[in-house]
mmCIF file of all heavy atoms, coordinates in Angstrom:
data_MODEL
# 
_entry.id   MODEL 
# 
loop_
_atom_site.group_PDB 
_atom_site.id 
_atom_site.type_symbol 
_atom_site.label_atom_id 
_atom_site.label_alt_id 
_atom_site.label_comp_id 
_atom_site.label_asym_id 
_atom_site.label_entity_id 
_atom_site.label_seq_id 
_atom_site.pdbx_PDB_ins_code 
_atom_site.Cartn_x 
_atom_site.Cartn_y 
_atom_site.Cartn_z 
_atom_site.occupancy 
_atom_site.B_iso_or_equiv 
_atom_site.pdbx_formal_charge 
_atom_site.auth_seq_id 
_atom_site.auth_comp_id 
_atom_site.auth_asym_id 
_atom_site.auth_atom_id 
_atom_site.pdbx_PDB_model_num 
ATOM 1   N N   . GLU A 1 1  ? 0.872  -1.176  0.000  1.00 0.00 ? 1  GLU A N   1 
ATOM 2   C CA  . GLU A 1 1  ? 0.000  0.000   0.000  1.00 0.00 ? 1  GLU A CA  1 
ATOM 3   C C   . GLU A 1 1  ? 0.905  1.221   0.000  1.00 0.00 ? 1  GLU A C   1 
ATOM 4   O O   . GLU A 1 1  ? 1.845  1.315   0.801  1.00 0.00 ? 1  GLU A O   1 
ATOM 5   C CB  . GLU A 1 1  ? -0.895 -0.006  1.236  1.00 0.00 ? 1  GLU A CB  1 
ATOM 6   C CG  . GLU A 1 1  ? -1.943 1.066   1.229  1.00 0.00 ? 1  GLU A CG  1 
ATOM 7   C CD  . GLU A 1 1  ? -2.939 0.923   2.372  1.00 0.00 ? 1  GLU A CD  1 
ATOM 8   O OE1 . GLU A 1 1  ? -3.165 -0.198  2.854  1.00 0.00 ? 1  GLU A OE1 1 
ATOM 9   O OE2 . GLU A 1 1  ? -3.486 1.969   2.764  1.00 0.00 ? 1  GLU A OE2 1 
ATOM 10  N N   . PHE A 1 2  ? 0.620  2.160   -0.903 1.00 0.00 ? 2  PHE A N   1 
ATOM 11  C CA  . PHE A 1 2  ? 1.502  3.309   -1.071 1.00 0.00 ? 2  PHE A CA  1 
ATOM 12  C C   . PHE A 1 2  ? 0.706  4.489   -1.588 1.00 0.00 ? 2  PHE A C   1 
ATOM 13  O O   . PHE A 1 2  ? 0.397  4.570   -2.766 1.00 0.00 ? 2  PHE A O   1 
ATOM 14  C CB  . PHE A 1 2  ? 2.631  2.942   -2.052 1.00 0.00 ? 2  PHE A CB  1 
ATOM 15  C CG  . PHE A 1 2  ? 3.702  3.973   -2.170 1.00 0.00 ? 2  PHE A CG  1 
ATOM 16  C CD1 . PHE A 1 2  ? 4.777  3.979   -1.305 1.00 0.00 ? 2  PHE A CD1 1 
ATOM 17  C CD2 . PHE A 1 2  ? 3.641  4.935   -3.168 1.00 0.00 ? 2  PHE A CD2 1 
ATOM 18  C CE1 . PHE A 1 2  ? 5.785  4.931   -1.423 1.00 0.00 ? 2  PHE A CE1 1 
ATOM 19  C CE2 . PHE A 1 2  ? 4.640  5.892   -3.300 1.00 0.00 ? 2  PHE A CE2 1 
ATOM 20  C CZ  . PHE A 1 2  ? 5.717  5.885   -2.421 1.00 0.00 ? 2  PHE A CZ  1 
ATOM 21  N N   . GLU A 1 3  ? 0.342  5.380   -0.693 1.00 0.00 ? 3  GLU A N   1 
ATOM 22  C CA  . GLU A 1 3  ? -0.335 6.631   -1.039 1.00 0.00 ? 3  GLU A CA  1 
ATOM 23  C C   . GLU A 1 3  ? 0.510  7.740   -0.437 1.00 0.00 ? 3  GLU A C   1 
ATOM 24  O O   . GLU A 1 3  ? 0.435  7.995   0.771  1.00 0.00 ? 3  GLU A O   1 
ATOM 25  C CB  . GLU A 1 3  ? -1.759 6.678   -0.460 1.00 0.00 ? 3  GLU A CB  1 
ATOM 26  C CG  . GLU A 1 3  ? -2.712 5.664   -1.046 1.00 0.00 ? 3  GLU A CG  1 
ATOM 27  C CD  . GLU A 1 3  ? -3.055 5.945   -2.490 1.00 0.00 ? 3  GLU A CD  1 
ATOM 28  O OE1 . GLU A 1 3  ? -3.019 7.120   -2.901 1.00 0.00 ? 3  GLU A OE1 1 
ATOM 29  O OE2 . GLU A 1 3  ? -3.349 4.982   -3.209 1.00 0.00 ? 3  GLU A OE2 1 
ATOM 30  N N   . PRO A 1 4  ? 1.367  8.387   -1.241 1.00 0.00 ? 4  PRO A N   1 
ATOM 31  C CA  . PRO A 1 4  ? 2.296  9.378   -0.688 1.00 0.00 ? 4  PRO A CA  1 
ATOM 32  C C   . PRO A 1 4  ? 1.631  10.367  0.262  1.00 0.00 ? 4  PRO A C   1 
ATOM 33  O O   . PRO A 1 4  ? 0.558  10.899  -0.021 1.00 0.00 ? 4  PRO A O   1 
ATOM 34  C CB  . PRO A 1 4  ? 2.847  10.074  -1.932 1.00 0.00 ? 4  PRO A CB  1 
ATOM 35  C CG  . PRO A 1 4  ? 2.797  8.999   -2.974 1.00 0.00 ? 4  PRO A CG  1 
ATOM 36  C CD  . PRO A 1 4  ? 1.512  8.261   -2.689 1.00 0.00 ? 4  PRO A CD  1 
ATOM 37  N N   . TYR A 1 5  ? 2.301  10.570  1.402  1.00 0.00 ? 5  TYR A N   1 
ATOM 38  C CA  . TYR A 1 5  ? 1.908  11.499  2.462  1.00 0.00 ? 5  TYR A CA  1 
ATOM 39  C C   . TYR A 1 5  ? 0.661  11.058  3.222  1.00 0.00 ? 5  TYR A C   1 
ATOM 40  O O   . TYR A 1 5  ? 0.205  11.777  4.096  1.00 0.00 ? 5  TYR A O   1 
ATOM 41  C CB  . TYR A 1 5  ? 1.714  12.931  1.936  1.00 0.00 ? 5  TYR A CB  1 
ATOM 42  C CG  . TYR A 1 5  ? 2.758  13.348  0.936  1.00 0.00 ? 5  TYR A CG  1 
ATOM 43  C CD1 . TYR A 1 5  ? 2.393  13.721  -0.345 1.00 0.00 ? 5  TYR A CD1 1 
ATOM 44  C CD2 . TYR A 1 5  ? 4.110  13.336  1.254  1.00 0.00 ? 5  TYR A CD2 1 
ATOM 45  C CE1 . TYR A 1 5  ? 3.357  14.104  -1.281 1.00 0.00 ? 5  TYR A CE1 1 
ATOM 46  C CE2 . TYR A 1 5  ? 5.078  13.701  0.322  1.00 0.00 ? 5  TYR A CE2 1 
ATOM 47  C CZ  . TYR A 1 5  ? 4.696  14.080  -0.941 1.00 0.00 ? 5  TYR A CZ  1 
ATOM 48  O OH  . TYR A 1 5  ? 5.638  14.442  -1.866 1.00 0.00 ? 5  TYR A OH  1 
ATOM 49  N N   . GLU A 1 6  ? 0.124  9.873   2.916  1.00 0.00 ? 6  GLU A N   1 
ATOM 50  C CA  . GLU A 1 6  ? -1.104 9.420   3.572  1.00 0.00 ? 6  GLU A CA  1 
ATOM 51  C C   . GLU A 1 6  ? -1.007 8.010   4.149  1.00 0.00 ? 6  GLU A C   1 
ATOM 52  O O   . GLU A 1 6  ? -1.376 7.801   5.300  1.00 0.00 ? 6  GLU A O   1 
ATOM 53  C CB  . GLU A 1 6  ? -2.282 9.480   2.604  1.00 0.00 ? 6  GLU A CB  1 
ATOM 54  C CG  . GLU A 1 6  ? -2.649 10.882  2.192  1.00 0.00 ? 6  GLU A CG  1 
ATOM 55  C CD  . GLU A 1 6  ? -3.798 10.908  1.201  1.00 0.00 ? 6  GLU A CD  1 
ATOM 56  O OE1 . GLU A 1 6  ? -4.417 9.859   0.947  1.00 0.00 ? 6  GLU A OE1 1 
ATOM 57  O OE2 . GLU A 1 6  ? -4.069 11.993  0.666  1.00 0.00 ? 6  GLU A OE2 1 
ATOM 58  N N   . SER A 1 7  ? -0.586 7.031   3.343  1.00 0.00 ? 7  SER A N   1 
ATOM 59  C CA  . SER A 1 7  ? -0.576 5.657   3.854  1.00 0.00 ? 7  SER A CA  1 
ATOM 60  C C   . SER A 1 7  ? 0.527  4.829   3.203  1.00 0.00 ? 7  SER A C   1 
ATOM 61  O O   . SER A 1 7  ? 0.856  5.012   2.026  1.00 0.00 ? 7  SER A O   1 
ATOM 62  C CB  . SER A 1 7  ? -1.936 4.985   3.655  1.00 0.00 ? 7  SER A CB  1 
ATOM 63  O OG  . SER A 1 7  ? -2.211 4.809   2.281  1.00 0.00 ? 7  SER A OG  1 
ATOM 64  N N   . LEU A 1 8  ? 1.059  3.933   4.004  1.00 0.00 ? 8  LEU A N   1 
ATOM 65  C CA  . LEU A 1 8  ? 2.123  3.036   3.584  1.00 0.00 ? 8  LEU A CA  1 
ATOM 66  C C   . LEU A 1 8  ? 1.935  1.733   4.340  1.00 0.00 ? 8  LEU A C   1 
ATOM 67  O O   . LEU A 1 8  ? 1.641  1.758   5.542  1.00 0.00 ? 8  LEU A O   1 
ATOM 68  C CB  . LEU A 1 8  ? 3.484  3.657   3.935  1.00 0.00 ? 8  LEU A CB  1 
ATOM 69  C CG  . LEU A 1 8  ? 4.740  2.830   3.668  1.00 0.00 ? 8  LEU A CG  1 
ATOM 70  C CD1 . LEU A 1 8  ? 4.959  2.639   2.169  1.00 0.00 ? 8  LEU A CD1 1 
ATOM 71  C CD2 . LEU A 1 8  ? 5.957  3.518   4.286  1.00 0.00 ? 8  LEU A CD2 1 
ATOM 72  N N   . ALA A 1 9  ? 2.067  0.607   3.655  1.00 0.00 ? 9  ALA A N   1 
ATOM 73  C CA  . ALA A 1 9  ? 1.945  -0.680  4.338  1.00 0.00 ? 9  ALA A CA  1 
ATOM 74  C C   . ALA A 1 9  ? 2.771  -1.728  3.617  1.00 0.00 ? 9  ALA A C   1 
ATOM 75  O O   . ALA A 1 9  ? 2.949  -1.664  2.393  1.00 0.00 ? 9  ALA A O   1 
ATOM 76  C CB  . ALA A 1 9  ? 0.487  -1.125  4.413  1.00 0.00 ? 9  ALA A CB  1 
ATOM 77  N N   . TRP A 1 10 ? 3.277  -2.671  4.396  1.00 0.00 ? 10 TRP A N   1 
ATOM 78  C CA  . TRP A 1 10 ? 4.039  -3.772  3.828  1.00 0.00 ? 10 TRP A CA  1 
ATOM 79  C C   . TRP A 1 10 ? 3.695  -5.050  4.567  1.00 0.00 ? 10 TRP A C   1 
ATOM 80  O O   . TRP A 1 10 ? 3.260  -5.038  5.710  1.00 0.00 ? 10 TRP A O   1 
ATOM 81  C CB  . TRP A 1 10 ? 5.545  -3.503  3.895  1.00 0.00 ? 10 TRP A CB  1 
ATOM 82  C CG  . TRP A 1 10 ? 6.087  -3.242  5.271  1.00 0.00 ? 10 TRP A CG  1 
ATOM 83  C CD1 . TRP A 1 10 ? 6.380  -4.166  6.245  1.00 0.00 ? 10 TRP A CD1 1 
ATOM 84  C CD2 . TRP A 1 10 ? 6.386  -1.966  5.843  1.00 0.00 ? 10 TRP A CD2 1 
ATOM 85  N NE1 . TRP A 1 10 ? 6.855  -3.541  7.369  1.00 0.00 ? 10 TRP A NE1 1 
ATOM 86  C CE2 . TRP A 1 10 ? 6.876  -2.194  7.147  1.00 0.00 ? 10 TRP A CE2 1 
ATOM 87  C CE3 . TRP A 1 10 ? 6.315  -0.663  5.374  1.00 0.00 ? 10 TRP A CE3 1 
ATOM 88  C CZ2 . TRP A 1 10 ? 7.273  -1.157  7.990  1.00 0.00 ? 10 TRP A CZ2 1 
ATOM 89  C CZ3 . TRP A 1 10 ? 6.711  0.362   6.219  1.00 0.00 ? 10 TRP A CZ3 1 
ATOM 90  C CH2 . TRP A 1 10 ? 7.183  0.106   7.497  1.00 0.00 ? 10 TRP A CH2 1 
ATOM 91  N N   . ASP A 1 11 ? 3.890  -6.167  3.873  1.00 0.00 ? 11 ASP A N   1 
ATOM 92  C CA  . ASP A 1 11 ? 3.778  -7.452  4.548  1.00 0.00 ? 11 ASP A CA  1 
ATOM 93  C C   . ASP A 1 11 ? 5.176  -7.855  4.988  1.00 0.00 ? 11 ASP A C   1 
ATOM 94  O O   . ASP A 1 11 ? 6.174  -7.291  4.545  1.00 0.00 ? 11 ASP A O   1 
ATOM 95  C CB  . ASP A 1 11 ? 3.115  -8.512  3.666  1.00 0.00 ? 11 ASP A CB  1 
ATOM 96  C CG  . ASP A 1 11 ? 3.967  -8.932  2.480  1.00 0.00 ? 11 ASP A CG  1 
ATOM 97  O OD1 . ASP A 1 11 ? 5.044  -8.344  2.224  1.00 0.00 ? 11 ASP A OD1 1 
ATOM 98  O OD2 . ASP A 1 11 ? 3.553  -9.869  1.780  1.00 0.00 ? 11 ASP A OD2 1 
ATOM 99  N N   . SER A 1 12 ? 5.251  -8.799  5.882  1.00 0.00 ? 12 SER A N   1 
ATOM 100 C CA  . SER A 1 12 ? 6.531  -9.307  6.369  1.00 0.00 ? 12 SER A CA  1 
ATOM 101 C C   . SER A 1 12 ? 6.431  -10.803 6.570  1.00 0.00 ? 12 SER A C   1 
ATOM 102 O O   . SER A 1 12 ? 5.445  -11.298 7.124  1.00 0.00 ? 12 SER A O   1 
ATOM 103 C CB  . SER A 1 12 ? 6.913  -8.639  7.694  1.00 0.00 ? 12 SER A CB  1 
ATOM 104 O OG  . SER A 1 12 ? 7.160  -7.272  7.512  1.00 0.00 ? 12 SER A OG  1 
ATOM 105 N N   . GLN A 1 13 ? 7.467  -11.480 6.108  1.00 0.00 ? 13 GLN A N   1 
ATOM 106 C CA  . GLN A 1 13 ? 7.527  -12.937 6.229  1.00 0.00 ? 13 GLN A CA  1 
ATOM 107 C C   . GLN A 1 13 ? 8.838  -13.319 6.906  1.00 0.00 ? 13 GLN A C   1 
ATOM 108 O O   . GLN A 1 13 ? 9.890  -12.788 6.552  1.00 0.00 ? 13 GLN A O   1 
ATOM 109 C CB  . GLN A 1 13 ? 7.475  -13.603 4.851  1.00 0.00 ? 13 GLN A CB  1 
ATOM 110 C CG  . GLN A 1 13 ? 6.356  -13.140 3.950  1.00 0.00 ? 13 GLN A CG  1 
ATOM 111 C CD  . GLN A 1 13 ? 4.992  -13.524 4.465  1.00 0.00 ? 13 GLN A CD  1 
ATOM 112 O OE1 . GLN A 1 13 ? 4.809  -14.596 5.011  1.00 0.00 ? 13 GLN A OE1 1 
ATOM 113 N NE2 . GLN A 1 13 ? 4.028  -12.637 4.316  1.00 0.00 ? 13 GLN A NE2 1 
ATOM 114 N N   . ALA A 1 14 ? 8.756  -14.230 7.841  1.00 0.00 ? 14 ALA A N   1 
ATOM 115 C CA  . ALA A 1 14 ? 9.928  -14.818 8.480  1.00 0.00 ? 14 ALA A CA  1 
ATOM 116 C C   . ALA A 1 14 ? 9.489  -16.158 9.028  1.00 0.00 ? 14 ALA A C   1 
ATOM 117 O O   . ALA A 1 14 ? 8.287  -16.486 9.036  1.00 0.00 ? 14 ALA A O   1 
ATOM 118 C CB  . ALA A 1 14 ? 10.459 -13.924 9.592  1.00 0.00 ? 14 ALA A CB  1 
ATOM 119 N N   . PHE A 1 15 ? 10.422 -16.930 9.504  1.00 0.00 ? 15 PHE A N   1 
ATOM 120 C CA  . PHE A 1 15 ? 10.076 -18.234 10.064 1.00 0.00 ? 15 PHE A CA  1 
ATOM 121 C C   . PHE A 1 15 ? 9.066  -18.055 11.193 1.00 0.00 ? 15 PHE A C   1 
ATOM 122 O O   . PHE A 1 15 ? 9.328  -17.369 12.177 1.00 0.00 ? 15 PHE A O   1 
ATOM 123 C CB  . PHE A 1 15 ? 11.336 -18.940 10.601 1.00 0.00 ? 15 PHE A CB  1 
ATOM 124 C CG  . PHE A 1 15 ? 11.023 -20.240 11.275 1.00 0.00 ? 15 PHE A CG  1 
ATOM 125 C CD1 . PHE A 1 15 ? 10.726 -21.354 10.521 1.00 0.00 ? 15 PHE A CD1 1 
ATOM 126 C CD2 . PHE A 1 15 ? 10.994 -20.326 12.656 1.00 0.00 ? 15 PHE A CD2 1 
ATOM 127 C CE1 . PHE A 1 15 ? 10.414 -22.550 11.140 1.00 0.00 ? 15 PHE A CE1 1 
ATOM 128 C CE2 . PHE A 1 15 ? 10.680 -21.513 13.278 1.00 0.00 ? 15 PHE A CE2 1 
ATOM 129 C CZ  . PHE A 1 15 ? 10.396 -22.637 12.520 1.00 0.00 ? 15 PHE A CZ  1 
ATOM 130 N N   . GLY A 1 16 ? 7.878  -18.622 11.019 1.00 0.00 ? 16 GLY A N   1 
ATOM 131 C CA  . GLY A 1 16 ? 6.853  -18.583 12.056 1.00 0.00 ? 16 GLY A CA  1 
ATOM 132 C C   . GLY A 1 16 ? 6.118  -17.273 12.211 1.00 0.00 ? 16 GLY A C   1 
ATOM 133 O O   . GLY A 1 16 ? 5.348  -17.109 13.155 1.00 0.00 ? 16 GLY A O   1 
ATOM 134 N N   . ILE A 1 17 ? 6.330  -16.320 11.288 1.00 0.00 ? 17 ILE A N   1 
ATOM 135 C CA  . ILE A 1 17 ? 5.660  -15.020 11.381 1.00 0.00 ? 17 ILE A CA  1 
ATOM 136 C C   . ILE A 1 17 ? 5.161  -14.589 10.012 1.00 0.00 ? 17 ILE A C   1 
ATOM 137 O O   . ILE A 1 17 ? 5.889  -14.640 9.025  1.00 0.00 ? 17 ILE A O   1 
ATOM 138 C CB  . ILE A 1 17 ? 6.609  -13.924 11.916 1.00 0.00 ? 17 ILE A CB  1 
ATOM 139 C CG1 . ILE A 1 17 ? 7.048  -14.230 13.341 1.00 0.00 ? 17 ILE A CG1 1 
ATOM 140 C CG2 . ILE A 1 17 ? 5.934  -12.551 11.860 1.00 0.00 ? 17 ILE A CG2 1 
ATOM 141 C CD1 . ILE A 1 17 ? 8.071  -13.268 13.891 1.00 0.00 ? 17 ILE A CD1 1 
ATOM 142 N N   . ASN A 1 18 ? 3.916  -14.179 9.967  1.00 0.00 ? 18 ASN A N   1 
ATOM 143 C CA  . ASN A 1 18 ? 3.311  -13.572 8.789  1.00 0.00 ? 18 ASN A CA  1 
ATOM 144 C C   . ASN A 1 18 ? 2.661  -12.283 9.290  1.00 0.00 ? 18 ASN A C   1 
ATOM 145 O O   . ASN A 1 18 ? 1.758  -12.335 10.125 1.00 0.00 ? 18 ASN A O   1 
ATOM 146 C CB  . ASN A 1 18 ? 2.276  -14.525 8.185  1.00 0.00 ? 18 ASN A CB  1 
ATOM 147 C CG  . ASN A 1 18 ? 1.707  -14.021 6.893  1.00 0.00 ? 18 ASN A CG  1 
ATOM 148 O OD1 . ASN A 1 18 ? 2.198  -13.064 6.310  1.00 0.00 ? 18 ASN A OD1 1 
ATOM 149 N ND2 . ASN A 1 18 ? 0.647  -14.656 6.440  1.00 0.00 ? 18 ASN A ND2 1 
ATOM 150 N N   . ALA A 1 19 ? 3.151  -11.134 8.828  1.00 0.00 ? 19 ALA A N   1 
ATOM 151 C CA  . ALA A 1 19 ? 2.700  -9.860  9.401  1.00 0.00 ? 19 ALA A CA  1 
ATOM 152 C C   . ALA A 1 19 ? 2.304  -8.867  8.317  1.00 0.00 ? 19 ALA A C   1 
ATOM 153 O O   . ALA A 1 19 ? 2.664  -9.011  7.148  1.00 0.00 ? 19 ALA A O   1 
ATOM 154 C CB  . ALA A 1 19 ? 3.822  -9.270  10.257 1.00 0.00 ? 19 ALA A CB  1 
ATOM 155 N N   . TYR A 1 20 ? 1.564  -7.852  8.749  1.00 0.00 ? 20 TYR A N   1 
ATOM 156 C CA  . TYR A 1 20 ? 1.192  -6.734  7.895  1.00 0.00 ? 20 TYR A CA  1 
ATOM 157 C C   . TYR A 1 20 ? 1.294  -5.478  8.745  1.00 0.00 ? 20 TYR A C   1 
ATOM 158 O O   . TYR A 1 20 ? 0.683  -5.385  9.817  1.00 0.00 ? 20 TYR A O   1 
ATOM 159 C CB  . TYR A 1 20 ? -0.235 -6.896  7.358  1.00 0.00 ? 20 TYR A CB  1 
ATOM 160 C CG  . TYR A 1 20 ? -0.575 -5.960  6.231  1.00 0.00 ? 20 TYR A CG  1 
ATOM 161 C CD1 . TYR A 1 20 ? -0.121 -6.218  4.942  1.00 0.00 ? 20 TYR A CD1 1 
ATOM 162 C CD2 . TYR A 1 20 ? -1.370 -4.839  6.437  1.00 0.00 ? 20 TYR A CD2 1 
ATOM 163 C CE1 . TYR A 1 20 ? -0.435 -5.369  3.887  1.00 0.00 ? 20 TYR A CE1 1 
ATOM 164 C CE2 . TYR A 1 20 ? -1.695 -3.989  5.388  1.00 0.00 ? 20 TYR A CE2 1 
ATOM 165 C CZ  . TYR A 1 20 ? -1.219 -4.263  4.121  1.00 0.00 ? 20 TYR A CZ  1 
ATOM 166 O OH  . TYR A 1 20 ? -1.531 -3.424  3.075  1.00 0.00 ? 20 TYR A OH  1 
ATOM 167 N N   . HIS A 1 21 ? 2.092  -4.511  8.295  1.00 0.00 ? 21 HIS A N   1 
ATOM 168 C CA  . HIS A 1 21 ? 2.348  -3.293  9.061  1.00 0.00 ? 21 HIS A CA  1 
ATOM 169 C C   . HIS A 1 21 ? 1.898  -2.093  8.219  1.00 0.00 ? 21 HIS A C   1 
ATOM 170 O O   . HIS A 1 21 ? 2.399  -1.896  7.122  1.00 0.00 ? 21 HIS A O   1 
ATOM 171 C CB  . HIS A 1 21 ? 3.842  -3.199  9.372  1.00 0.00 ? 21 HIS A CB  1 
ATOM 172 C CG  . HIS A 1 21 ? 4.156  -2.163  10.402 1.00 0.00 ? 21 HIS A CG  1 
ATOM 173 N ND1 . HIS A 1 21 ? 5.312  -2.192  11.124 1.00 0.00 ? 21 HIS A ND1 1 
ATOM 174 C CD2 . HIS A 1 21 ? 3.489  -1.061  10.836 1.00 0.00 ? 21 HIS A CD2 1 
ATOM 175 C CE1 . HIS A 1 21 ? 5.340  -1.160  11.951 1.00 0.00 ? 21 HIS A CE1 1 
ATOM 176 N NE2 . HIS A 1 21 ? 4.241  -0.459  11.786 1.00 0.00 ? 21 HIS A NE2 1 
ATOM 177 N N   . ALA A 1 22 ? 0.976  -1.314  8.757  1.00 0.00 ? 22 ALA A N   1 
ATOM 178 C CA  . ALA A 1 22 ? 0.414  -0.166  8.036  1.00 0.00 ? 22 ALA A CA  1 
ATOM 179 C C   . ALA A 1 22 ? 0.658  1.125   8.799  1.00 0.00 ? 22 ALA A C   1 
ATOM 180 O O   . ALA A 1 22 ? 0.674  1.150   10.031 1.00 0.00 ? 22 ALA A O   1 
ATOM 181 C CB  . ALA A 1 22 ? -1.091 -0.372  7.834  1.00 0.00 ? 22 ALA A CB  1 
ATOM 182 N N   . TRP A 1 23 ? 0.832  2.197   8.041  1.00 0.00 ? 23 TRP A N   1 
ATOM 183 C CA  . TRP A 1 23 ? 1.030  3.540   8.577  1.00 0.00 ? 23 TRP A CA  1 
ATOM 184 C C   . TRP A 1 23 ? 0.012  4.477   7.941  1.00 0.00 ? 23 TRP A C   1 
ATOM 185 O O   . TRP A 1 23 ? -0.196 4.429   6.727  1.00 0.00 ? 23 TRP A O   1 
ATOM 186 C CB  . TRP A 1 23 ? 2.424  4.049   8.224  1.00 0.00 ? 23 TRP A CB  1 
ATOM 187 C CG  . TRP A 1 23 ? 3.540  3.275   8.838  1.00 0.00 ? 23 TRP A CG  1 
ATOM 188 C CD1 . TRP A 1 23 ? 4.046  2.078   8.409  1.00 0.00 ? 23 TRP A CD1 1 
ATOM 189 C CD2 . TRP A 1 23 ? 4.301  3.635   9.981  1.00 0.00 ? 23 TRP A CD2 1 
ATOM 190 N NE1 . TRP A 1 23 ? 5.076  1.689   9.213  1.00 0.00 ? 23 TRP A NE1 1 
ATOM 191 C CE2 . TRP A 1 23 ? 5.263  2.626   10.187 1.00 0.00 ? 23 TRP A CE2 1 
ATOM 192 C CE3 . TRP A 1 23 ? 4.284  4.731   10.846 1.00 0.00 ? 23 TRP A CE3 1 
ATOM 193 C CZ2 . TRP A 1 23 ? 6.180  2.677   11.233 1.00 0.00 ? 23 TRP A CZ2 1 
ATOM 194 C CZ3 . TRP A 1 23 ? 5.195  4.784   11.885 1.00 0.00 ? 23 TRP A CZ3 1 
ATOM 195 C CH2 . TRP A 1 23 ? 6.129  3.754   12.069 1.00 0.00 ? 23 TRP A CH2 1 
ATOM 196 N N   . LEU A 1 24 ? -0.598 5.328   8.744  1.00 0.00 ? 24 LEU A N   1 
ATOM 197 C CA  . LEU A 1 24 ? -1.529 6.340   8.253  1.00 0.00 ? 24 LEU A CA  1 
ATOM 198 C C   . LEU A 1 24 ? -1.061 7.707   8.741  1.00 0.00 ? 24 LEU A C   1 
ATOM 199 O O   . LEU A 1 24 ? -0.708 7.861   9.919  1.00 0.00 ? 24 LEU A O   1 
ATOM 200 C CB  . LEU A 1 24 ? -2.944 6.077   8.768  1.00 0.00 ? 24 LEU A CB  1 
ATOM 201 C CG  . LEU A 1 24 ? -3.576 4.744   8.363  1.00 0.00 ? 24 LEU A CG  1 
ATOM 202 C CD1 . LEU A 1 24 ? -4.892 4.544   9.099  1.00 0.00 ? 24 LEU A CD1 1 
ATOM 203 C CD2 . LEU A 1 24 ? -3.781 4.679   6.869  1.00 0.00 ? 24 LEU A CD2 1 
ATOM 204 N N   . ILE A 1 25 ? -1.062 8.678   7.851  1.00 0.00 ? 25 ILE A N   1 
ATOM 205 C CA  . ILE A 1 25 ? -0.643 10.035  8.180  1.00 0.00 ? 25 ILE A CA  1 
ATOM 206 C C   . ILE A 1 25 ? -1.807 10.969  7.864  1.00 0.00 ? 25 ILE A C   1 
ATOM 207 O O   . ILE A 1 25 ? -2.273 11.013  6.729  1.00 0.00 ? 25 ILE A O   1 
ATOM 208 C CB  . ILE A 1 25 ? 0.610  10.441  7.375  1.00 0.00 ? 25 ILE A CB  1 
ATOM 209 C CG1 . ILE A 1 25 ? 1.758  9.469   7.647  1.00 0.00 ? 25 ILE A CG1 1 
ATOM 210 C CG2 . ILE A 1 25 ? 1.004  11.879  7.702  1.00 0.00 ? 25 ILE A CG2 1 
ATOM 211 C CD1 . ILE A 1 25 ? 2.966  9.668   6.738  1.00 0.00 ? 25 ILE A CD1 1 
# 
């Protein structure tokens, strides 16, 4: 997710972890 100056998000994968991290401005 990428909306400049408003929102950014990424997924993350590692052993035993599946994550989603979002930022709102």
